[in-house]
C-alpha atoms as a PDB file:
ATOM      1  CA  THR A   1     242.062 -35.709 -54.882  1.00  0.00           C
ATOM      2  CA  ALA A   2     244.445 -33.268 -56.424  1.00  0.00           C
ATOM      3  CA  THR A   3     241.484 -30.297 -56.486  1.00  0.00           C
ATOM      4  CA  ARG A   4     240.991 -31.102 -52.815  1.00  0.00           C
ATOM      5  CA  ALA A   5     244.723 -30.578 -51.808  1.00  0.00           C
ATOM      6  CA  ARG A   6     245.089 -27.702 -54.004  1.00  0.00           C
ATOM      7  CA  LEU A   7     242.217 -25.896 -52.199  1.00  0.00           C
ATOM      8  CA  LYS A   8     243.662 -27.052 -48.779  1.00  0.00           C
ATOM      9  CA  LEU A   9     247.047 -25.314 -49.672  1.00  0.00           C
ATOM     10  CA  LEU A  10     245.190 -22.410 -51.007  1.00  0.00           C
ATOM     11  CA  THR A  11     243.246 -21.865 -47.841  1.00  0.00           C
ATOM     12  CA  VAL A  12     246.701 -22.141 -45.827  1.00  0.00           C
ATOM     13  CA  LEU A  13     247.802 -19.570 -48.074  1.00  0.00           C
ATOM     14  CA  ARG A  14     245.063 -17.277 -48.039  1.00  0.00           C
ATOM     15  CA  THR A  15     245.128 -17.620 -44.264  1.00  0.00           C
ATOM     16  CA  THR A  16     248.854 -16.943 -43.956  1.00  0.00           C
ATOM     17  CA  VAL A  17     248.321 -13.839 -46.337  1.00  0.00           C
ATOM     18  CA  GLN A  18     245.348 -12.610 -44.005  1.00  0.00           C
ATOM     19  CA  GLY A  19     247.745 -12.971 -40.770  1.00  0.00           C
ATOM     20  CA  VAL A  20     250.916 -11.140 -42.539  1.00  0.00           C
ATOM     21  CA  SER A  21     249.234  -8.620 -44.151  1.00  0.00           C
ATOM     22  CA  GLY A  22     246.073  -7.689 -42.900  1.00  0.00           C
ATOM     23  CA  TYR A  23     244.514  -8.888 -46.251  1.00  0.00           C
ATOM     24  CA  GLY A  24     240.545  -8.466 -46.152  1.00  0.00           C
ATOM     25  CA  SER A  25     240.652  -5.524 -43.846  1.00  0.00           C
ATOM     26  CA  ASP A  26     239.183  -2.248 -45.745  1.00  0.00           C
ATOM     27  CA  GLU A  27     242.323  -0.867 -46.651  1.00  0.00           C
ATOM     28  CA  HIS A  28     244.721  -3.624 -46.338  1.00  0.00           C
ATOM     29  CA  ALA A  29     247.287  -1.848 -49.291  1.00  0.00           C
ATOM     30  CA  GLU A  30     247.511   1.483 -47.656  1.00  0.00           C
ATOM     31  CA  GLN A  31     248.174  -0.141 -44.361  1.00  0.00           C
ATOM     32  CA  ALA A  32     250.905  -1.830 -45.548  1.00  0.00           C
ATOM     33  CA  VAL A  33     254.164  -1.045 -44.581  1.00  0.00           C
ATOM     34  CA  ASP A  34     256.197  -3.975 -45.804  1.00  0.00           C
ATOM     35  CA  ILE A  35     254.263  -5.787 -48.734  1.00  0.00           C
ATOM     36  CA  ASP A  36     256.991  -7.708 -50.492  1.00  0.00           C
ATOM     37  CA  PRO A  37     256.391 -10.782 -48.090  1.00  0.00           C
ATOM     38  CA  ARG A  38     252.464 -10.489 -49.167  1.00  0.00           C
ATOM     39  CA  ARG A  39     253.042  -9.977 -52.748  1.00  0.00           C
ATOM     40  CA  SER A  40     254.927 -13.433 -52.444  1.00  0.00           C
ATOM     41  CA  LEU A  41     251.907 -15.082 -50.771  1.00  0.00           C
ATOM     42  CA  VAL A  42     249.468 -13.331 -53.037  1.00  0.00           C
ATOM     43  CA  ALA A  43     251.661 -14.617 -56.281  1.00  0.00           C
ATOM     44  CA  ALA A  44     251.961 -18.327 -54.654  1.00  0.00           C
ATOM     45  CA  GLU A  45     248.302 -18.289 -54.152  1.00  0.00           C
ATOM     46  CA  ARG A  46     247.559 -16.867 -57.756  1.00  0.00           C
ATOM     47  CA  ALA A  47     249.996 -19.833 -59.307  1.00  0.00           C
ATOM     48  CA  ILE A  48     247.901 -22.213 -57.856  1.00  0.00           C
ATOM     49  CA  LEU A  49     244.822 -20.874 -59.148  1.00  0.00           C
ATOM     50  CA  GLU A  50     246.251 -20.457 -62.528  1.00  0.00           C
ATOM     51  CA  ARG A  51     246.564 -24.198 -62.708  1.00  0.00           C
ATOM     52  CA  MET A  52     243.255 -24.811 -61.088  1.00  0.00           C
ATOM     53  CA  VAL A  53     241.304 -22.999 -63.405  1.00  0.00           C
ATOM     54  CA  ALA A  54     243.642 -24.463 -66.324  1.00  0.00           C
ATOM     55  CA  ALA A  55     242.459 -27.797 -64.919  1.00  0.00           C
ATOM     56  CA  GLU A  56     238.920 -26.667 -65.011  1.00  0.00           C
ATOM     57  CA  PRO A  57     238.088 -23.726 -66.897  1.00  0.00           C
ATOM     58  CA  ALA A  58     234.311 -23.717 -66.525  1.00  0.00           C
ATOM     59  CA  ASN A  59     234.972 -23.653 -62.812  1.00  0.00           C
ATOM     60  CA  ALA A  60     233.408 -20.216 -61.323  1.00  0.00           C
ATOM     61  CA  THR A  61     234.522 -20.580 -58.282  1.00  0.00           C
ATOM     62  CA  TRP A  62     238.067 -20.584 -59.341  1.00  0.00           C
ATOM     63  CA  GLN A  63     237.538 -17.998 -61.790  1.00  0.00           C
ATOM     64  CA  HIS A  64     236.046 -15.658 -59.141  1.00  0.00           C
ATOM     65  CA  ARG A  65     238.939 -16.532 -56.793  1.00  0.00           C
ATOM     66  CA  LEU A  66     241.579 -15.771 -59.534  1.00  0.00           C
ATOM     67  CA  ALA A  67     239.712 -12.431 -60.172  1.00  0.00           C
ATOM     68  CA  VAL A  68     240.283 -11.441 -56.419  1.00  0.00           C
ATOM     69  CA  ASN A  69     243.793 -12.399 -56.276  1.00  0.00           C
ATOM     70  CA  LEU A  70     244.411 -10.502 -59.760  1.00  0.00           C
ATOM     71  CA  ASN A  71     242.404  -7.443 -58.114  1.00  0.00           C
ATOM     72  CA  LEU A  72     244.683  -7.422 -54.766  1.00  0.00           C
ATOM     73  CA  ALA A  73     247.994  -7.809 -56.577  1.00  0.00           C
ATOM     74  CA  GLY A  74     246.958  -4.943 -59.005  1.00  0.00           C
ATOM     75  CA  GLU A  75     246.198  -3.264 -55.630  1.00  0.00           C
ATOM     76  CA  LEU A  76     249.726  -3.735 -54.296  1.00  0.00           C
ATOM     77  CA  LEU A  77     251.434  -2.807 -57.396  1.00  0.00           C
ATOM     78  CA  ALA A  78     249.460   0.512 -57.425  1.00  0.00           C
ATOM     79  CA  VAL A  79     250.655   0.893 -53.767  1.00  0.00           C
ATOM     80  CA  ARG A  80     254.370   0.570 -55.030  1.00  0.00           C
ATOM     81  CA  GLY A  81     253.887   3.021 -57.999  1.00  0.00           C
ATOM     82  CA  GLN A  82     253.767   0.133 -60.701  1.00  0.00           C
ATOM     83  CA  ARG A  83     251.251   1.754 -62.301  1.00  0.00           C
ATOM     84  CA  ASP A  84     251.607  -0.475 -65.679  1.00  0.00           C
ATOM     85  CA  VAL A  85     251.664  -3.586 -64.458  1.00  0.00           C
ATOM     86  CA  ALA A  86     248.660  -2.875 -61.663  1.00  0.00           C
ATOM     87  CA  ARG A  87     246.777  -1.829 -64.524  1.00  0.00           C
ATOM     88  CA  GLN A  88     247.558  -5.330 -66.187  1.00  0.00           C
ATOM     89  CA  PHE A  89     246.490  -7.239 -63.167  1.00  0.00           C
ATOM     90  CA  LEU A  90     243.339  -5.036 -62.784  1.00  0.00           C
ATOM     91  CA  GLU A  91     242.347  -5.235 -66.491  1.00  0.00           C
ATOM     92  CA  ARG A  92     242.569  -9.175 -66.382  1.00  0.00           C
ATOM     93  CA  ALA A  93     240.669  -9.328 -63.099  1.00  0.00           C
ATOM     94  CA  LEU A  94     237.720  -6.909 -64.499  1.00  0.00           C
ATOM     95  CA  GLY A  95     237.592  -9.256 -67.799  1.00  0.00           C
ATOM     96  CA  ILE A  96     237.178 -12.337 -65.513  1.00  0.00           C
ATOM     97  CA  THR A  97     234.254 -10.454 -63.561  1.00  0.00           C
ATOM     98  CA  ILE A  98     232.717  -8.947 -66.426  1.00  0.00           C
ATOM     99  CA  ALA A  99     232.668 -13.080 -67.900  1.00  0.00           C
ATOM    100  CA  LEU A 100     231.134 -14.117 -64.665  1.00  0.00           C
ATOM    101  CA  VAL A 101     228.567 -11.632 -64.700  1.00  0.00           C
ATOM    102  CA  ASP A 102     227.887 -12.515 -68.115  1.00  0.00           C
ATOM    103  CA  ARG A 103     227.289 -15.991 -67.254  1.00  0.00           C
ATOM    104  CA  ASP A 104     225.017 -15.100 -64.315  1.00  0.00           C
ATOM    105  CA  ASP A 105     223.834 -11.460 -63.775  1.00  0.00           C
ATOM    106  CA  GLY A 106     221.649 -12.222 -60.921  1.00  0.00           C
ATOM    107  CA  ASN A 107     224.887 -13.055 -58.646  1.00  0.00           C
ATOM    108  CA  SER A 108     225.540 -10.478 -56.328  1.00  0.00           C
ATOM    109  CA  THR A 109     229.005 -11.210 -55.180  1.00  0.00           C
ATOM    110  CA  TRP A 110     230.172 -11.285 -58.655  1.00  0.00           C
ATOM    111  CA  ARG A 111     228.556  -8.133 -59.500  1.00  0.00           C
ATOM    112  CA  ARG A 112     229.964  -6.484 -56.172  1.00  0.00           C
ATOM    113  CA  GLU A 113     233.564  -7.820 -57.182  1.00  0.00           C
ATOM    114  CA  LEU A 114     232.923  -6.435 -61.108  1.00  0.00           C
ATOM    115  CA  ALA A 115     232.167  -2.723 -59.353  1.00  0.00           C
ATOM    116  CA  ARG A 116     235.212  -3.002 -57.156  1.00  0.00           C
ATOM    117  CA  ASN A 117     237.413  -4.013 -59.956  1.00  0.00           C
ATOM    118  CA  GLU A 118     236.118  -0.882 -62.286  1.00  0.00           C
ATOM    119  CA  PHE A 119     236.257   1.424 -58.980  1.00  0.00           C
ATOM    120  CA  LYS A 120     240.001   0.069 -58.658  1.00  0.00           C
ATOM    121  CA  LEU A 121     241.062   0.110 -62.248  1.00  0.00           C
ATOM    122  CA  GLY A 122     239.189   3.751 -62.621  1.00  0.00           C
ATOM    123  CA  ARG A 123     241.144   5.174 -59.416  1.00  0.00           C
ATOM    124  CA  LEU A 124     244.501   3.992 -61.309  1.00  0.00           C
ATOM    125  CA  PHE A 125     243.492   5.826 -64.709  1.00  0.00           C
ATOM    126  CA  ILE A 126     242.479   9.264 -62.961  1.00  0.00           C
ATOM    127  CA  GLY A 127     245.950  10.469 -64.032  1.00  0.00           C
ATOM    128  CA  LEU A 128     246.567   8.193 -67.259  1.00  0.00           C
ATOM    129  CA  ASP A 129     242.904   8.559 -68.854  1.00  0.00           C
ATOM    130  CA  PRO A 130     240.437  10.987 -67.018  1.00  0.00           C
ATOM    131  CA  PRO A 131     237.438  10.038 -69.458  1.00  0.00           C
ATOM    132  CA  ARG A 132     238.023   6.193 -68.911  1.00  0.00           C
ATOM    133  CA  ALA A 133     238.513   6.643 -65.393  1.00  0.00           C
ATOM    134  CA  VAL A 134     235.321   8.815 -64.616  1.00  0.00           C
ATOM    135  CA  THR A 135     233.262   5.958 -66.873  1.00  0.00           C
ATOM    136  CA  LEU A 136     234.415   3.302 -64.776  1.00  0.00           C
ATOM    137  CA  THR A 137     234.204   4.837 -61.457  1.00  0.00           C
ATOM    138  CA  THR A 138     230.446   5.980 -62.310  1.00  0.00           C
ATOM    139  CA  ARG A 139     229.934   2.133 -63.603  1.00  0.00           C
ATOM    140  CA  ALA A 140     231.065   1.315 -60.210  1.00  0.00           C
ATOM    141  CA  ALA A 141     228.982   3.581 -58.381  1.00  0.00           C
ATOM    142  CA  GLU A 142     226.011   2.320 -60.331  1.00  0.00           C
ATOM    143  CA  THR A 143     226.408  -1.033 -60.046  1.00  0.00           C
ATOM    144  CA  LEU A 144     226.679  -0.961 -56.204  1.00  0.00           C
ATOM    145  CA  GLY A 145     223.888   1.756 -55.925  1.00  0.00           C
ATOM    146  CA  ALA A 146     221.566  -1.109 -57.281  1.00  0.00           C
ATOM    147  CA  LEU A 147     223.320  -3.896 -55.201  1.00  0.00           C
ATOM    148  CA  VAL A 148     222.115  -1.223 -52.133  1.00  0.00           C
ATOM    149  CA  GLU A 149     218.895  -0.747 -53.475  1.00  0.00           C
ATOM    150  CA  LYS A 150     218.420  -4.899 -53.548  1.00  0.00           C
ATOM    151  CA  ASP A 151     219.483  -5.122 -49.847  1.00  0.00           C
ATOM    152  CA  PRO A 152     220.051  -1.877 -48.129  1.00  0.00           C
ATOM    153  CA  THR A 153     220.934  -3.684 -44.956  1.00  0.00           C
ATOM    154  CA  ASN A 154     224.478  -5.272 -46.477  1.00  0.00           C
ATOM    155  CA  ALA A 155     227.025  -3.147 -44.526  1.00  0.00           C
ATOM    156  CA  GLY A 156     229.854  -4.138 -47.039  1.00  0.00           C
ATOM    157  CA  TRP A 157     227.799  -2.930 -50.181  1.00  0.00           C
ATOM    158  CA  GLN A 158     226.957   0.123 -48.187  1.00  0.00           C
ATOM    159  CA  ARG A 159     230.717   0.727 -47.937  1.00  0.00           C
ATOM    160  CA  ASP A 160     231.673   0.232 -51.334  1.00  0.00           C
ATOM    161  CA  TRP A 161     229.118   2.261 -52.751  1.00  0.00           C
ATOM    162  CA  ALA A 162     229.996   5.339 -50.357  1.00  0.00           C
ATOM    163  CA  GLU A 163     233.532   4.385 -51.587  1.00  0.00           C
ATOM    164  CA  ALA A 164     233.009   4.580 -55.365  1.00  0.00           C
ATOM    165  CA  ARG A 165     230.355   7.809 -54.864  1.00  0.00           C
ATOM    166  CA  HIS A 166     233.405   9.605 -53.020  1.00  0.00           C
ATOM    167  CA  GLY A 167     236.220   8.436 -54.641  1.00  0.00           C
ATOM    168  CA  HIS A 168     238.146   7.046 -51.845  1.00  0.00           C
END
C-alpha cells in the first residue's frame, strides 16, 4: 500500500539521518560540524510525514513522528542562529504534542516529548522572553519529574529531567 511505501521510505530516511549526523544521540545538534546534509534529510522526512498526516489526520503515530521531526528541525535551525524560524518549528512541535497528550494523558512517550519540546522552546526564549522561558522550562522539569517518579529506573527520563532541572 501507499502507506507502507511511505513508511519504508521514512525508515530509510531516518536511518540515513542517523548515519549522517548522529541524530538520536544526546547532543546531536551541538556535535554537528556541517548540518546542511542533515537539514535536507530532515526536510525530506518532514515532507513525507506532512503527506502522511494529511492522508490520515487521526493517526497519532504520524502526528508524533512529525512533532519529533519539527523538534529536530527547530534545534538544527537554532544551532545555525536562525532563532525566529527555529521558534516556529518548535512551537508547531509543541502544539502537536499538546494535542497528543490531550488525547491520551497517560501516554508517557508523548508526555516526554511534550516536556522536551517545552524545554527546547524555553531555552530558545531565554534571551527573547525570559518569563516565558522560565514557564516553559519549569513545566518541562515538572513533567519529567513526574515521569521519573513513575519509573525511576528509566535512564532516558532521568537524563532529560536532569537536563531540564539544570538548564543544559
